[in-house]
Amino acid sequence: MITIHVNGTEEVIRDLRRAAIDVQEKARQVLREQAEKIKYDAQERVPIGATMALLASIRHGVSRKKLTAWVSAGGKVGGNDTYYAYFVEFGTKKQTAQPFLFPAARAHDEETQRRLTEVMYDALRGRTT
């Protein structure tokens, strides 16, 4: 299974973990929305020859405890093992890489960083919206 974690947001996330519960909930909402965008983007980028099982294996989630989001591809889906997601993403000696997950994550890096930073700035300014 391949799992993507958005990097570059470590400092903002660390500060958000220290923030009030309502601010953390707003950050979770941003993470949830961004992870969902990355998931749908990755599903659109999956190579045309890929199976429906690979498409269905692309999932996302948010950890309440750690205030992190993840998007993954591969693993068991409806009785099918999509272990080959890794080979599609990174290639093999006999197959050229056809990345779909990492490009989707990178495409939303700046937006995720911007939105999380806005949540923190709003909290520091005392805004509740």
Protein backbone atom coordinates (compact mmCIF):
# COMPACT_ATOMS: atom_id res chain seq x y z
CA MET A 1 0.00 0.00 0.00
CA ILE A 2 1.19 3.52 -0.77
CA THR A 3 0.33 6.33 1.64
CA ILE A 4 0.86 10.03 1.00
CA HIS A 5 1.47 12.53 3.78
CA VAL A 6 1.62 16.20 2.79
CA ASN A 7 4.99 17.57 3.84
CA GLY A 8 5.91 21.16 4.53
CA THR A 9 3.06 21.70 6.93
CA GLU A 10 4.80 20.30 10.01
CA GLU A 11 5.25 23.64 11.79
CA VAL A 12 1.69 24.76 11.15
CA ILE A 13 0.32 21.39 12.29
CA ARG A 14 2.49 21.51 15.43
CA ASP A 15 1.07 24.94 16.30
CA LEU A 16 -2.47 23.85 15.49
CA ARG A 17 -2.10 20.88 17.86
CA ARG A 18 -1.49 23.36 20.66
CA ALA A 19 -4.47 25.49 19.69
CA ALA A 20 -7.97 25.39 21.11
CA ILE A 21 -10.31 22.52 20.26
CA ASP A 22 -12.47 24.62 17.90
CA VAL A 23 -9.39 25.69 15.94
CA GLN A 24 -8.26 22.08 15.71
CA GLU A 25 -11.68 21.11 14.38
CA LYS A 26 -11.40 23.77 11.67
CA ALA A 27 -7.95 22.42 10.77
CA ARG A 28 -9.37 18.87 10.62
CA GLN A 29 -12.07 20.11 8.27
CA VAL A 30 -9.43 21.64 5.98
CA LEU A 31 -7.41 18.42 6.10
CA ARG A 32 -10.53 16.35 5.36
CA GLU A 33 -11.43 18.53 2.37
CA GLN A 34 -7.90 18.59 1.00
CA ALA A 35 -7.44 14.83 1.39
CA GLU A 36 -10.70 14.29 -0.46
CA LYS A 37 -9.52 16.58 -3.29
CA ILE A 38 -6.25 14.67 -3.52
CA LYS A 39 -8.14 11.36 -3.57
CA TYR A 40 -10.37 12.45 -6.45
CA ASP A 41 -7.42 13.96 -8.30
CA ALA A 42 -5.48 10.68 -7.91
CA GLN A 43 -8.48 8.72 -9.19
CA GLU A 44 -8.53 10.91 -12.30
CA ARG A 45 -4.79 10.34 -12.81
CA VAL A 46 -4.87 6.53 -12.52
CA PRO A 47 -3.63 5.09 -15.84
CA ILE A 48 -6.40 4.15 -18.25
CA GLY A 49 -5.39 0.49 -18.25
CA ALA A 50 -5.70 0.22 -14.47
CA THR A 51 -8.37 -1.94 -12.94
CA MET A 52 -11.47 -0.64 -11.20
CA ALA A 53 -10.11 -2.28 -8.05
CA LEU A 54 -7.07 0.02 -8.15
CA LEU A 55 -9.33 3.02 -8.59
CA ALA A 56 -11.49 1.87 -5.67
CA SER A 57 -8.39 1.31 -3.51
CA ILE A 58 -7.65 5.04 -3.40
CA ARG A 59 -8.88 6.19 -0.01
CA HIS A 60 -8.42 9.09 2.36
CA GLY A 61 -8.83 9.86 6.02
CA VAL A 62 -7.97 12.18 8.88
CA SER A 63 -6.51 11.24 12.25
CA ARG A 64 -8.32 13.11 15.02
CA LYS A 65 -5.58 12.36 17.52
CA LYS A 66 -2.56 13.34 15.42
CA LEU A 67 -4.24 16.05 13.32
CA THR A 68 -2.92 14.53 10.10
CA ALA A 69 -4.49 13.48 6.82
CA TRP A 70 -3.59 10.59 4.54
CA VAL A 71 -4.39 9.37 1.05
CA SER A 72 -3.46 5.83 0.09
CA ALA A 73 -3.74 3.38 -2.78
CA GLY A 74 -3.48 -0.37 -2.71
CA GLY A 75 -4.41 -3.05 -0.24
CA LYS A 76 -7.50 -5.25 -0.15
CA VAL A 77 -10.64 -3.95 -1.83
CA GLY A 78 -13.76 -6.07 -2.17
CA GLY A 79 -11.80 -9.30 -2.10
CA ASN A 80 -9.16 -8.04 -4.55
CA ASP A 81 -5.60 -7.36 -3.45
CA THR A 82 -4.33 -4.25 -5.22
CA TYR A 83 -0.73 -4.68 -4.05
CA TYR A 84 0.33 -3.62 -7.55
CA ALA A 85 -0.52 0.04 -6.83
CA TYR A 86 3.12 0.42 -5.80
CA PHE A 87 4.33 -0.97 -9.14
CA VAL A 88 2.03 1.35 -11.11
CA GLU A 89 3.20 4.39 -9.10
CA PHE A 90 6.94 3.64 -9.10
CA GLY A 91 7.41 1.21 -11.99
CA THR A 92 9.47 -1.97 -12.20
CA LYS A 93 12.34 -3.19 -14.36
CA LYS A 94 9.78 -4.17 -16.99
CA GLN A 95 7.16 -1.46 -16.50
CA THR A 96 7.57 2.30 -16.66
CA ALA A 97 6.28 4.22 -13.65
CA GLN A 98 2.85 5.78 -14.13
CA PRO A 99 2.59 7.99 -11.04
CA PHE A 100 -0.89 9.06 -10.01
CA LEU A 101 -0.81 9.46 -6.23
CA PHE A 102 2.26 11.64 -5.68
CA PRO A 103 1.42 14.06 -8.52
CA ALA A 104 -2.08 14.46 -7.08
CA ALA A 105 -0.65 15.21 -3.63
CA ARG A 106 1.89 17.68 -5.01
CA ALA A 107 -0.81 19.46 -7.00
CA HIS A 108 -2.56 20.39 -3.74
CA ASP A 109 0.47 21.11 -1.50
CA GLU A 110 0.33 24.90 -1.75
CA GLU A 111 -3.43 25.09 -1.32
CA THR A 112 -3.29 22.84 1.76
CA GLN A 113 -0.48 24.90 3.29
CA ARG A 114 -2.32 28.16 2.55
CA ARG A 115 -5.62 26.97 4.02
CA LEU A 116 -4.01 25.60 7.20
CA THR A 117 -2.03 28.81 7.63
CA GLU A 118 -5.28 30.80 7.28
CA VAL A 119 -6.86 28.71 10.05
CA MET A 120 -3.92 29.52 12.33
CA TYR A 121 -3.87 33.22 11.46
CA ASP A 122 -7.62 33.48 12.01
CA ALA A 123 -7.19 31.85 15.42
CA LEU A 124 -4.37 34.23 16.33
CA ARG A 125 -6.44 37.22 15.24
CA GLY A 126 -9.33 35.98 17.35
CA ARG A 127 -11.66 35.27 14.44
CA THR A 128 -14.11 32.43 14.82
CA THR A 129 -15.32 32.24 11.21
